[in-house]
Protein backbone atom coordinates (compact mmCIF):
# COMPACT_ATOMS: atom_id res chain seq x y z
CA UNK A 1 -18.55 -12.33 29.51
CA UNK A 2 -16.56 -15.00 27.83
CA UNK A 3 -15.07 -14.56 24.41
CA UNK A 4 -17.43 -17.25 22.92
CA UNK A 5 -20.42 -15.20 24.18
CA UNK A 6 -18.92 -12.03 22.97
CA UNK A 7 -18.45 -13.59 19.46
CA UNK A 8 -22.00 -14.72 19.29
CA UNK A 9 -23.23 -11.34 20.53
CA UNK A 10 -21.27 -9.56 17.68
CA UNK A 11 -22.30 -12.23 15.10
CA UNK A 12 -25.91 -11.43 16.06
CA UNK A 13 -25.38 -7.72 15.26
CA UNK A 14 -23.27 -8.37 12.05
CA UNK A 15 -25.10 -11.31 10.76
CA UNK A 16 -23.45 -14.13 8.89
CA UNK A 17 -20.14 -12.08 8.05
CA UNK A 18 -18.65 -12.64 11.47
CA UNK A 19 -17.50 -15.82 13.21
CA UNK A 20 -15.26 -17.20 15.72
CA UNK A 21 -12.29 -19.28 15.04
CA UNK A 22 -9.67 -21.28 17.24
CA UNK A 23 -6.15 -19.84 17.16
CA UNK A 24 -4.01 -22.70 15.66
CA UNK A 25 -1.12 -21.99 17.96
CA UNK A 26 -2.50 -21.04 21.25
CA UNK A 27 -5.85 -23.05 20.99
CA UNK A 28 -7.86 -19.94 22.08
CA UNK A 29 -11.26 -18.95 20.56
CA UNK A 30 -10.79 -15.59 18.72
CA UNK A 31 -13.08 -13.34 16.92
CA UNK A 32 -12.49 -13.56 13.05
CA UNK A 33 -13.97 -12.31 9.88
CA UNK A 34 -11.46 -14.05 7.76
CA UNK A 35 -11.49 -17.66 6.85
CA UNK A 36 -8.44 -19.86 6.35
CA UNK A 37 -8.96 -19.98 2.75
CA UNK A 38 -9.37 -16.27 2.52
CA UNK A 39 -5.91 -15.85 4.22
CA UNK A 40 -4.32 -17.95 1.71
CA UNK A 41 -5.85 -16.17 -1.02
CA UNK A 42 -5.05 -12.79 0.35
CA UNK A 43 -1.47 -13.83 0.87
CA UNK A 44 -1.06 -15.26 -2.71
CA UNK A 45 -2.68 -12.31 -4.32
CA UNK A 46 -0.47 -9.74 -2.45
CA UNK A 47 3.01 -11.45 -2.29
CA UNK A 48 4.29 -10.61 -5.76
CA UNK A 49 3.19 -6.80 -5.58
CA UNK A 50 4.41 -6.48 -1.93
CA UNK A 51 7.76 -7.79 -3.08
CA UNK A 52 7.97 -5.47 -6.03
CA UNK A 53 6.93 -2.30 -3.78
CA UNK A 54 9.92 -3.19 -1.50
CA UNK A 55 12.80 -3.56 -3.84
CA UNK A 56 12.15 -6.82 -5.56
CA UNK A 57 13.75 -10.06 -5.06
CA UNK A 58 17.40 -10.17 -4.28
CA UNK A 59 18.95 -11.72 -7.46
CA UNK A 60 22.74 -11.15 -7.33
CA UNK A 61 23.33 -14.48 -5.35
CA UNK A 62 20.30 -16.93 -5.93
CA UNK A 63 21.80 -19.32 -3.35
CA UNK A 64 20.74 -17.00 -0.67
CA UNK A 65 17.30 -17.43 -1.55
CA UNK A 66 17.65 -21.15 -1.56
CA UNK A 67 19.36 -20.92 1.97
CA UNK A 68 16.76 -18.82 3.59
CA UNK A 69 13.86 -20.75 2.26
CA UNK A 70 15.60 -24.00 3.43
CA UNK A 71 15.70 -22.65 7.03
CA UNK A 72 12.27 -21.40 6.72
CA UNK A 73 10.75 -24.68 5.56
CA UNK A 74 12.63 -26.55 8.47
CA UNK A 75 10.79 -24.20 10.93
CA UNK A 76 7.39 -24.33 9.21
CA UNK A 77 7.60 -28.24 9.19
CA UNK A 78 7.47 -28.22 12.90
CA UNK A 79 4.96 -25.45 13.21
CA UNK A 80 1.28 -25.56 14.16
CA UNK A 81 -0.09 -25.13 10.55
CA UNK A 82 2.09 -27.32 8.44
CA UNK A 83 -0.67 -27.06 5.74
CA UNK A 84 -0.11 -23.52 4.72
CA UNK A 85 1.58 -22.87 1.47
CA UNK A 86 4.70 -21.20 2.98
CA UNK A 87 7.15 -19.25 0.90
CA UNK A 88 10.23 -17.42 1.82
CA UNK A 89 11.98 -14.62 -0.11
CA UNK A 90 14.93 -12.34 0.56
CA UNK A 91 14.20 -8.77 -0.96
CA UNK A 92 16.77 -6.42 -2.44
CA UNK A 93 16.09 -3.79 0.14
CA UNK A 94 18.79 -2.06 2.57
CA UNK A 95 16.24 -1.40 5.27
CA UNK A 96 16.48 -4.06 8.08
CA UNK A 97 12.86 -5.62 8.14
CA UNK A 98 10.96 -8.84 7.95
CA UNK A 99 7.30 -9.42 7.45
CA UNK A 100 4.64 -12.11 6.97
CA UNK A 101 1.42 -12.02 4.76
CA UNK A 102 -1.51 -14.08 5.64
CA UNK A 103 -1.23 -17.77 4.49
CA UNK A 104 2.51 -17.99 5.10
CA UNK A 105 4.02 -15.64 2.70
CA UNK A 106 7.30 -14.39 4.39
CA UNK A 107 9.93 -12.05 3.39
CA UNK A 108 13.25 -10.81 4.89
CA UNK A 109 15.27 -7.96 3.66
CA UNK A 110 18.84 -8.13 2.48
CA UNK A 111 19.49 -5.41 5.05
CA UNK A 112 18.46 -7.48 7.91
CA UNK A 113 20.80 -10.33 7.01
CA UNK A 114 23.61 -8.21 7.53
CA UNK A 115 22.73 -7.48 11.21
CA UNK A 116 22.26 -11.18 12.09
CA UNK A 117 25.22 -13.16 13.30
CA UNK A 118 24.24 -16.83 12.75
CA UNK A 119 21.73 -19.20 11.44
CA UNK A 120 20.07 -19.40 14.80
CA UNK A 121 19.14 -15.69 14.62
CA UNK A 122 17.96 -15.97 11.20
CA UNK A 123 15.72 -18.81 12.53
CA UNK A 124 14.55 -16.57 15.24
CA UNK A 125 13.42 -14.10 12.77
CA UNK A 126 11.69 -16.34 10.45
CA UNK A 127 10.09 -18.46 13.25
CA UNK A 128 8.66 -15.17 14.63
CA UNK A 129 7.00 -14.49 11.09
CA UNK A 130 5.81 -18.11 10.89
CA UNK A 131 4.08 -17.69 14.16
CA UNK A 132 2.39 -14.45 12.82
CA UNK A 133 0.96 -16.41 9.92
CA UNK A 134 0.27 -19.60 11.88
CA UNK A 135 -1.49 -17.67 14.81
CA UNK A 136 -3.65 -15.67 12.25
CA UNK A 137 -2.31 -12.41 13.58
CA UNK A 138 -2.89 -10.82 10.30
CA UNK A 139 -6.43 -12.18 9.97
CA UNK A 140 -6.97 -10.61 13.47
CA UNK A 141 -5.73 -7.31 12.31
CA UNK A 142 -7.88 -7.50 9.06
CA UNK A 143 -11.00 -8.48 11.02
CA UNK A 144 -10.63 -5.37 13.19
CA UNK A 145 -9.62 -3.42 10.10
CA UNK A 146 -12.69 -4.66 8.17
CA UNK A 147 -14.89 -3.24 10.98
CA UNK A 148 -13.25 0.12 10.49
CA UNK A 149 -13.59 -0.30 6.79
CA UNK A 150 -17.36 -0.92 7.12
CA UNK A 151 -17.90 2.12 9.19
CA UNK A 152 -15.87 4.14 6.75
CA UNK A 153 -17.77 2.89 3.88
CA UNK A 154 -21.02 3.78 5.39
CA UNK A 155 -19.74 7.40 5.78
CA UNK A 156 -18.69 7.40 2.12
CA UNK A 157 -22.24 6.07 1.09
CA UNK A 158 -23.80 8.81 3.13
CA UNK A 159 -21.61 11.43 1.45
CA UNK A 160 -22.38 10.19 -1.96
CA UNK A 161 -26.11 10.29 -1.35
CA UNK A 162 -25.96 13.92 -0.52
CA UNK A 163 -23.83 14.50 -3.58
CA UNK A 164 -21.21 16.60 -1.78
CA UNK A 165 -18.30 13.98 -1.50
CA UNK A 166 -17.42 10.73 -2.68
CA UNK A 167 -13.92 9.84 -1.04
CA UNK A 168 -14.97 9.26 2.66
CA UNK A 169 -15.08 5.39 2.31
CA UNK A 170 -11.67 5.16 0.49
CA UNK A 171 -9.88 7.41 2.82
CA UNK A 172 -11.21 5.65 5.84
CA UNK A 173 -10.13 2.18 4.53
CA UNK A 174 -6.71 3.56 3.51
CA UNK A 175 -6.40 4.66 7.24
CA UNK A 176 -7.59 1.28 8.36
CA UNK A 177 -4.73 -0.47 6.22
CA UNK A 178 -2.15 1.84 7.63
CA UNK A 179 -3.38 0.94 11.10
CA UNK A 180 -3.14 -2.79 10.30
CA UNK A 181 0.75 -2.53 9.59
CA UNK A 182 1.71 -2.69 13.36
CA UNK A 183 1.23 -5.84 15.30
CA UNK A 184 -0.08 -5.30 18.97
CA UNK A 185 2.27 -5.97 22.05
CA UNK A 186 0.34 -9.40 22.68
CA UNK A 187 0.98 -10.67 19.17
CA UNK A 188 4.66 -9.90 19.33
CA UNK A 189 5.25 -11.48 22.71
CA UNK A 190 3.32 -14.53 21.37
CA UNK A 191 5.33 -14.65 18.23
CA UNK A 192 8.45 -14.28 20.29
CA UNK A 193 7.33 -17.25 22.63
CA UNK A 194 6.12 -19.68 20.11
CA UNK A 195 8.87 -18.85 17.70
CA UNK A 196 11.38 -19.99 20.10
CA UNK A 197 9.37 -23.15 20.50
CA UNK A 198 9.58 -23.78 16.78
CA UNK A 199 13.28 -23.11 16.92
CA UNK A 200 13.93 -25.66 19.69
CA UNK A 201 11.80 -28.20 17.75
CA UNK A 202 13.88 -27.56 14.65
CA UNK A 203 17.15 -28.29 16.66
CA UNK A 204 18.26 -24.50 16.89
CA UNK A 205 19.68 -22.82 20.04
CA UNK A 206 16.79 -20.72 21.48
CA UNK A 207 19.39 -18.06 22.82
CA UNK A 208 19.49 -16.96 19.25
CA UNK A 209 16.15 -15.17 19.87
CA UNK A 210 17.48 -13.61 23.01
CA UNK A 211 20.62 -12.23 21.33
CA UNK A 212 18.56 -11.07 18.41
CA UNK A 213 16.23 -9.01 20.72
CA UNK A 214 19.17 -7.77 22.74
CA UNK A 215 21.02 -6.51 19.53
CA UNK A 216 17.70 -4.83 18.50
CA UNK A 217 17.19 -2.97 21.70
CA UNK A 218 20.80 -1.74 21.73
CA UNK A 219 20.45 -0.55 18.13
CA UNK A 220 17.14 1.20 19.04
CA UNK A 221 18.87 3.10 21.73
CA UNK A 222 21.64 4.31 19.37
CA UNK A 223 21.67 6.19 16.21
CA UNK A 224 20.49 3.58 13.79
CA UNK A 225 17.63 5.66 12.62
CA UNK A 226 17.03 3.40 9.51
CA UNK A 227 15.69 0.67 11.85
CA UNK A 228 12.72 2.98 12.94
CA UNK A 229 11.57 3.14 9.48
CA UNK A 230 11.91 -0.67 8.99
CA UNK A 231 11.82 -3.45 11.53
CA UNK A 232 11.02 -1.32 14.59
CA UNK A 233 8.07 0.24 12.91
CA UNK A 234 6.09 -3.02 12.83
CA UNK A 235 8.05 -5.09 15.52
CA UNK A 236 9.03 -2.62 18.29
CA UNK A 237 11.80 -3.91 20.45
CA UNK A 238 11.61 -3.62 24.24
CA UNK A 239 13.47 -4.81 27.31
CA UNK A 240 10.12 -6.67 28.13
CA UNK A 241 10.54 -8.81 25.14
CA UNK A 242 14.37 -9.42 26.03
CA UNK A 243 13.38 -10.44 29.57
CA UNK A 244 10.51 -12.76 28.30
CA UNK A 245 12.70 -14.55 25.79
CA UNK A 246 15.46 -14.97 28.51
CA UNK A 247 12.82 -16.57 30.73
CA UNK A 248 11.27 -18.65 27.94
CA UNK A 249 14.85 -20.03 27.01
CA UNK A 250 15.81 -21.18 30.59
CA UNK A 251 12.86 -23.53 30.23
CA UNK A 252 14.70 -25.54 27.60
CA UNK A 253 17.84 -27.67 27.82
CA UNK A 254 20.95 -25.80 26.94
CA UNK A 255 22.48 -26.32 23.34
CA UNK A 256 21.23 -26.30 19.76
CA UNK A 257 22.58 -25.43 16.51
CA UNK A 258 23.87 -21.89 15.79
CA UNK A 259 25.64 -22.65 12.51
CA UNK A 260 27.42 -19.39 12.46
CA UNK A 261 30.22 -20.48 9.90
CA UNK A 262 27.57 -21.69 7.47
CA UNK A 263 25.47 -18.58 7.91
CA UNK A 264 28.41 -16.28 7.24
CA UNK A 265 29.42 -18.26 4.15
CA UNK A 266 26.05 -18.06 2.86
CA UNK A 267 25.65 -14.28 3.04
CA UNK A 268 29.16 -13.67 1.99
CA UNK A 269 28.05 -12.00 -1.32
CA UNK A 270 25.87 -9.55 0.55
CA UNK A 271 28.55 -8.85 2.99
CA UNK A 272 31.14 -8.29 0.24
CA UNK A 273 28.84 -5.92 -1.54
CA UNK A 274 27.91 -3.80 1.58
CA UNK A 275 30.32 -1.00 0.64
CA UNK A 276 28.41 -0.67 -2.72
CA UNK A 277 25.14 -0.47 -0.97
CA UNK A 278 26.61 2.18 1.57
CA UNK A 279 27.63 4.15 -1.37
CA UNK A 280 23.95 3.67 -2.79
CA UNK A 281 22.64 4.98 0.56
CA UNK A 282 24.84 8.09 0.23
CA UNK A 283 23.73 8.59 -3.41
CA UNK A 284 20.03 8.58 -2.23
CA UNK A 285 20.75 11.21 0.23
CA UNK A 286 22.49 13.31 -2.10
CA UNK A 287 19.55 12.91 -4.65
CA UNK A 288 17.11 13.97 -1.99
CA UNK A 289 19.18 17.02 -1.24
CA UNK A 290 19.04 17.75 -5.14
CA UNK A 291 22.73 17.28 -5.46
CA UNK A 292 23.03 14.94 -8.57
CA UNK A 293 26.60 15.41 -9.22
CA UNK A 294 27.67 13.99 -5.57
CA UNK A 295 25.06 11.23 -6.11
CA UNK A 296 26.84 10.29 -9.39
CA UNK A 297 30.20 10.15 -7.49
CA UNK A 298 28.86 7.71 -5.09
CA UNK A 299 26.91 5.68 -7.74
CA UNK A 300 29.99 5.33 -9.80
CA UNK A 301 31.75 3.94 -6.86
CA UNK A 302 28.93 1.38 -6.30
CA UNK A 303 28.89 0.31 -9.83
CA UNK A 304 32.61 -0.26 -9.74
CA UNK A 305 32.16 -2.55 -6.63
CA UNK A 306 29.07 -4.37 -7.96
CA UNK A 307 28.44 -3.86 -11.72
CA UNK A 308 25.51 -6.29 -11.70
CA UNK A 309 23.07 -4.19 -9.40
CA UNK A 310 20.27 -2.66 -11.35
CA UNK A 311 19.34 -0.16 -8.66
CA UNK A 312 22.51 1.73 -9.00
CA UNK A 313 22.00 2.14 -12.63
CA UNK A 314 18.48 3.50 -12.19
CA UNK A 315 19.59 5.97 -9.41
CA UNK A 316 22.38 7.09 -11.93
CA UNK A 317 19.68 7.61 -14.53
CA UNK A 318 17.59 9.82 -12.12
CA UNK A 319 20.89 11.76 -11.26
CA UNK A 320 21.51 12.46 -15.14
CA UNK A 321 17.71 13.55 -15.54
CA UNK A 322 18.31 16.07 -12.71
CA UNK A 323 21.30 17.34 -14.92
CA UNK A 324 19.08 17.37 -17.92
CA UNK A 325 21.15 14.77 -19.74
CA UNK A 326 18.42 12.80 -21.36
CA UNK A 327 20.95 10.67 -23.27
CA UNK A 328 22.87 9.44 -20.31
CA UNK A 329 19.62 8.93 -18.28
CA UNK A 330 17.98 6.59 -20.91
CA UNK A 331 21.29 4.73 -21.13
CA UNK A 332 21.46 4.09 -17.36
CA UNK A 333 17.73 3.29 -17.19
CA UNK A 334 18.17 0.83 -19.99
CA UNK A 335 21.21 -0.71 -18.12
CA UNK A 336 18.88 -1.18 -15.06
CA UNK A 337 16.58 -3.00 -16.98
CA UNK A 338 19.01 -5.34 -18.60
CA UNK A 339 20.51 -6.14 -15.23
CA UNK A 340 17.06 -6.79 -13.62
CA UNK A 341 14.21 -6.99 -16.16
CA UNK A 342 11.76 -8.21 -13.47
CA UNK A 343 11.74 -5.10 -11.24
CA UNK A 344 8.92 -2.58 -11.99
CA UNK A 345 10.92 0.57 -10.97
CA UNK A 346 13.47 0.32 -13.74
CA UNK A 347 10.76 0.08 -16.38
CA UNK A 348 8.79 2.92 -14.71
CA UNK A 349 11.70 5.30 -14.69
CA UNK A 350 12.59 4.73 -18.37
CA UNK A 351 9.01 4.97 -19.42
CA UNK A 352 8.44 8.29 -17.73
CA UNK A 353 11.57 9.64 -19.20
CA UNK A 354 10.77 8.66 -22.53
CA UNK A 355 7.29 10.05 -22.34
CA UNK A 356 8.63 13.39 -21.24
CA UNK A 357 10.97 13.10 -24.35
CA UNK A 358 8.02 12.68 -26.70
CA UNK A 359 8.69 8.93 -27.25
CA UNK A 360 5.24 7.67 -26.59
CA UNK A 361 5.31 4.33 -28.20
CA UNK A 362 8.47 3.15 -26.30
CA UNK A 363 7.26 4.78 -23.19
CA UNK A 364 4.03 2.98 -23.35
CA UNK A 365 5.73 -0.33 -23.50
CA UNK A 366 7.87 0.39 -20.46
CA UNK A 367 4.78 1.74 -18.41
CA UNK A 368 2.71 -1.24 -19.21
CA UNK A 369 5.51 -3.56 -18.22
CA UNK A 370 5.92 -1.67 -14.79
CA UNK A 371 2.12 -1.50 -14.46
CA UNK A 372 1.92 -5.39 -14.72
CA UNK A 373 4.59 -5.90 -12.31
CA UNK A 374 3.14 -3.28 -9.88
CA UNK A 375 0.22 -1.19 -10.69
CA UNK A 376 1.26 2.19 -9.20
CA UNK A 377 -0.66 5.32 -9.37
CA UNK A 378 1.96 7.23 -11.26
CA UNK A 379 2.13 4.60 -14.07
CA UNK A 380 -1.67 4.76 -14.20
CA UNK A 381 -1.48 8.60 -14.64
CA UNK A 382 0.92 8.46 -17.55
CA UNK A 383 -0.75 5.42 -19.26
CA UNK A 384 -4.09 7.50 -18.94
CA UNK A 385 -2.17 10.45 -20.48
CA UNK A 386 -1.02 8.23 -23.29
CA UNK A 387 -4.45 6.53 -23.91
CA UNK A 388 -6.07 10.10 -23.98
CA UNK A 389 -3.56 11.43 -26.44
CA UNK A 390 -4.36 8.31 -28.61
CA UNK A 391 -8.14 8.95 -28.53
CA UNK A 392 -8.56 5.81 -26.31
CA UNK A 393 -10.97 7.50 -23.94
CA UNK A 394 -12.53 4.54 -22.08
CA UNK A 395 -9.04 3.15 -21.39
CA UNK A 396 -7.69 6.68 -20.36
CA UNK A 397 -10.83 6.85 -18.04
CA UNK A 398 -9.86 3.40 -16.38
CA UNK A 399 -6.26 4.46 -15.87
CA UNK A 400 -7.26 7.85 -14.32
CA UNK A 401 -9.63 6.08 -11.99
CA UNK A 402 -6.78 3.97 -10.64
CA UNK A 403 -4.40 7.06 -10.11
CA UNK A 404 -7.15 8.97 -8.65
CA UNK A 405 -7.06 6.73 -5.67
CA UNK A 406 -3.78 8.36 -4.61
CA UNK A 407 -4.27 10.74 -1.74
CA UNK A 408 -1.72 13.01 -2.73
CA UNK A 409 -0.88 15.51 -5.64
CA UNK A 410 -1.09 12.71 -8.14
CA UNK A 411 -4.52 11.68 -7.10
CA UNK A 412 -5.57 15.33 -7.59
CA UNK A 413 -4.15 15.61 -11.05
CA UNK A 414 -5.87 12.35 -12.08
CA UNK A 415 -9.17 13.51 -10.75
CA UNK A 416 -8.90 16.66 -12.79
CA UNK A 417 -8.06 14.82 -15.92
CA UNK A 418 -10.83 12.25 -15.27
CA UNK A 419 -13.34 15.14 -14.76
CA UNK A 420 -12.22 16.61 -18.10
CA UNK A 421 -12.83 13.31 -20.05
CA UNK A 422 -16.09 12.67 -18.27
CA UNK A 423 -17.77 16.10 -17.85
CA UNK A 424 -19.55 16.25 -21.03
CA UNK A 425 -21.33 12.84 -20.86
CA UNK A 426 -21.96 12.66 -17.00
CA UNK A 427 -21.70 16.32 -15.62
CA UNK A 428 -23.89 15.54 -12.64
CA UNK A 429 -21.26 13.05 -11.55
CA UNK A 430 -19.07 15.94 -10.70
CA UNK A 431 -21.48 18.85 -10.00
CA UNK A 432 -24.00 18.11 -7.20
CA UNK A 433 -27.45 19.87 -7.11
CA UNK A 434 -29.99 20.26 -4.31
CA UNK A 435 -33.24 21.96 -4.20
CA UNK A 436 -34.43 24.01 -1.07
CA UNK A 437 -36.94 26.60 -0.21
CA UNK A 438 -35.13 29.74 1.30
CA UNK A 439 -36.06 32.09 3.95
CA UNK A 440 -37.99 34.28 1.44
CA UNK A 441 -40.19 31.40 0.48
CA UNK A 442 -38.96 30.91 -3.05
CA UNK A 443 -37.34 27.74 -4.54
CA UNK A 444 -33.59 27.73 -4.96
CA UNK A 445 -30.99 25.27 -6.36
CA UNK A 446 -27.67 24.87 -4.72
CA UNK A 447 -24.89 23.53 -7.07
CA UNK A 448 -21.43 22.50 -5.99
CA UNK A 449 -18.50 21.68 -8.19
CA UNK A 450 -16.89 18.50 -6.67
CA UNK A 451 -14.43 18.19 -9.41
CA UNK A 452 -10.74 19.23 -9.24
CA UNK A 453 -11.21 21.67 -12.22
CA UNK A 454 -13.09 24.81 -12.99
CA UNK A 455 -16.25 24.32 -15.26
CA UNK A 456 -18.24 26.76 -17.29
CA UNK A 457 -21.63 26.66 -19.34
CA UNK A 458 -23.60 24.87 -16.61
CA UNK A 459 -27.15 23.85 -17.18
CA UNK A 460 -29.54 22.52 -14.67
CA UNK A 461 -32.61 20.77 -15.33
CA UNK A 462 -35.40 21.39 -12.73
CA UNK A 463 -38.28 18.94 -12.75
CA UNK A 464 -41.55 19.32 -10.78
CA UNK A 465 -42.57 15.66 -9.79
CA UNK A 466 -46.27 14.62 -10.03
CA UNK A 467 -45.55 11.87 -7.39
CA UNK A 468 -42.56 9.80 -6.24
CA UNK A 469 -42.18 8.08 -9.29
CA UNK A 470 -43.66 10.36 -12.24
CA UNK A 471 -42.04 13.57 -13.54
CA UNK A 472 -44.16 16.46 -14.64
CA UNK A 473 -43.11 19.73 -16.21
CA UNK A 474 -39.23 20.70 -16.30
CA UNK A 475 -37.37 23.82 -17.08
CA UNK A 476 -33.70 24.55 -17.70
CA UNK A 477 -31.80 26.92 -15.53
CA UNK A 478 -28.43 28.49 -16.38
CA UNK A 479 -25.73 28.30 -13.74
CA UNK A 480 -23.01 30.94 -13.17
CA UNK A 481 -20.48 31.71 -16.05
CA UNK A 482 -17.74 29.72 -14.29
CA UNK A 483 -17.53 27.54 -11.12
CA UNK A 484 -14.22 26.95 -9.58
CA UNK A 485 -13.38 23.60 -8.09
CA UNK A 486 -14.85 23.18 -4.88
CA UNK A 487 -17.12 26.34 -5.22
CA UNK A 488 -20.77 26.21 -4.27
CA UNK A 489 -23.52 28.74 -5.50
CA UNK A 490 -27.19 28.99 -5.39
CA UNK A 491 -29.55 29.89 -8.19
CA UNK A 492 -33.07 31.63 -7.48
CA UNK A 493 -35.59 29.89 -9.58
CA UNK A 494 -38.38 32.53 -9.08
CA UNK A 495 -40.77 29.65 -8.33
CA UNK A 496 -42.91 30.49 -5.17
CA UNK A 497 -43.43 31.75 -2.61
CA UNK A 498 -44.32 28.75 -0.52
CA UNK A 499 -45.56 28.50 2.90
CA UNK A 500 -43.48 25.62 4.05
CA UNK A 501 -39.94 24.11 3.21
CA UNK A 502 -41.41 20.83 2.37
CA UNK A 503 -42.37 22.15 -1.10
CA UNK A 504 -38.88 21.41 -2.14
CA UNK A 505 -39.60 17.78 -2.08
CA UNK A 506 -41.75 18.03 -5.07
CA UNK A 507 -38.75 19.07 -7.20
CA UNK A 508 -35.67 17.43 -8.57
CA UNK A 509 -32.57 19.19 -9.91
CA UNK A 510 -29.92 17.57 -12.19
CA UNK A 511 -26.87 19.25 -13.93
CA UNK A 512 -27.16 18.19 -17.58
CA UNK A 513 -24.56 20.07 -19.08
CA UNK A 514 -21.08 21.48 -18.18
CA UNK A 515 -17.71 22.11 -19.80
CA UNK A 516 -14.21 21.97 -18.10
CA UNK A 517 -12.18 25.06 -18.51
């Protein structure tokens, strides 16, 4: 069956939400749920928060940003989707990585620049990412991910209808998003091949792409473990890619620009500061090992080498907090903000520290600034606490709802606080009830505490329905004295006996009162 027929068949099943599109790079028909306009919108909406979540923009040498963007635009100008609103940014992140969002929003980490030798290799990285955007690889991933999300959402809806779980859809979609983070083998080879074509069109030596992959393969075989958490996680190297690049390079005339001296001059600030960032890496390891004194020693060295880097001061603030020196911690968090006021993490760190030192007004200012730059679950949780303490119940609920999406301990905390705030007004949102006829022929009500907190003083309203739309008489049942989080119990109503289990369909149960303990 041809891909066009397959797309039409799938479209018949999934109706108007699905379509086929031509890959602008290869010219092939491909299944897609995402339009070009949607790609651009998704990339634009996620570009700033994606930068924030990965170190923020590298700011110590603005000329590096100008240089990388210049090389990137030169390559994009000879690509197959010149109309995309391409942007290029260098992130202040030591992990060797580069990525592209839909619509041509591209980033390369400071840590990867130090592993490249010349401008041709930089062009190889950027051209590879440009092809990911131009060939709609993210759109293809999202199309497959959306199908996963639709299925997960159906599971979530089903669980909500039974009243015994509301997180199925969210968990499934989070899993789909994680799966989408890695391109397939075909997309990687395609980006390598067409990326070399873009390099040649722009006047670069295509051997830069070969040398780049050779370097990555060599590093992957060694002890460069940081690569596995960065570039190799989404762009796994292989001898297959090296061989394919070598074969492709042979199809072009020899020559092309490498601009090694220019490249080395442009990244000289980063190269000069590498010792400071190495000290930062050692400090991070010490902090993870709960050794703040060693961390301070490394950070003092880093700051001496490069006193303008805000990340060094923030880490030093965390070390002081471990040592319970709140004055020094606040001083260093403030210094980090002064060095780089546009990075969410500095505001978040000082906001949390000040909240825990009972300085709520200034903590709120910091946390709100952090949340504006990047709405993290932890900022949502603390802002929810501040709003709750201030009597701003609805605002607290909204913040807790954001924090509750976290899949870890933070999410559980938020769920518990959300339940505490809402339990009095909507207890049935957290305590599910279901009517059934037991083996003894009598009517029972099963109640389950779906919240993250224990509850008490539960009252269930049991209503006999005259028909599907009209309620008849009702009675109130007392639940158990307490019901732990996740616990389920049954209440014998004394109504019956019935000859068939279908009698339960004539009754509806709803929890109308409960109190969090």
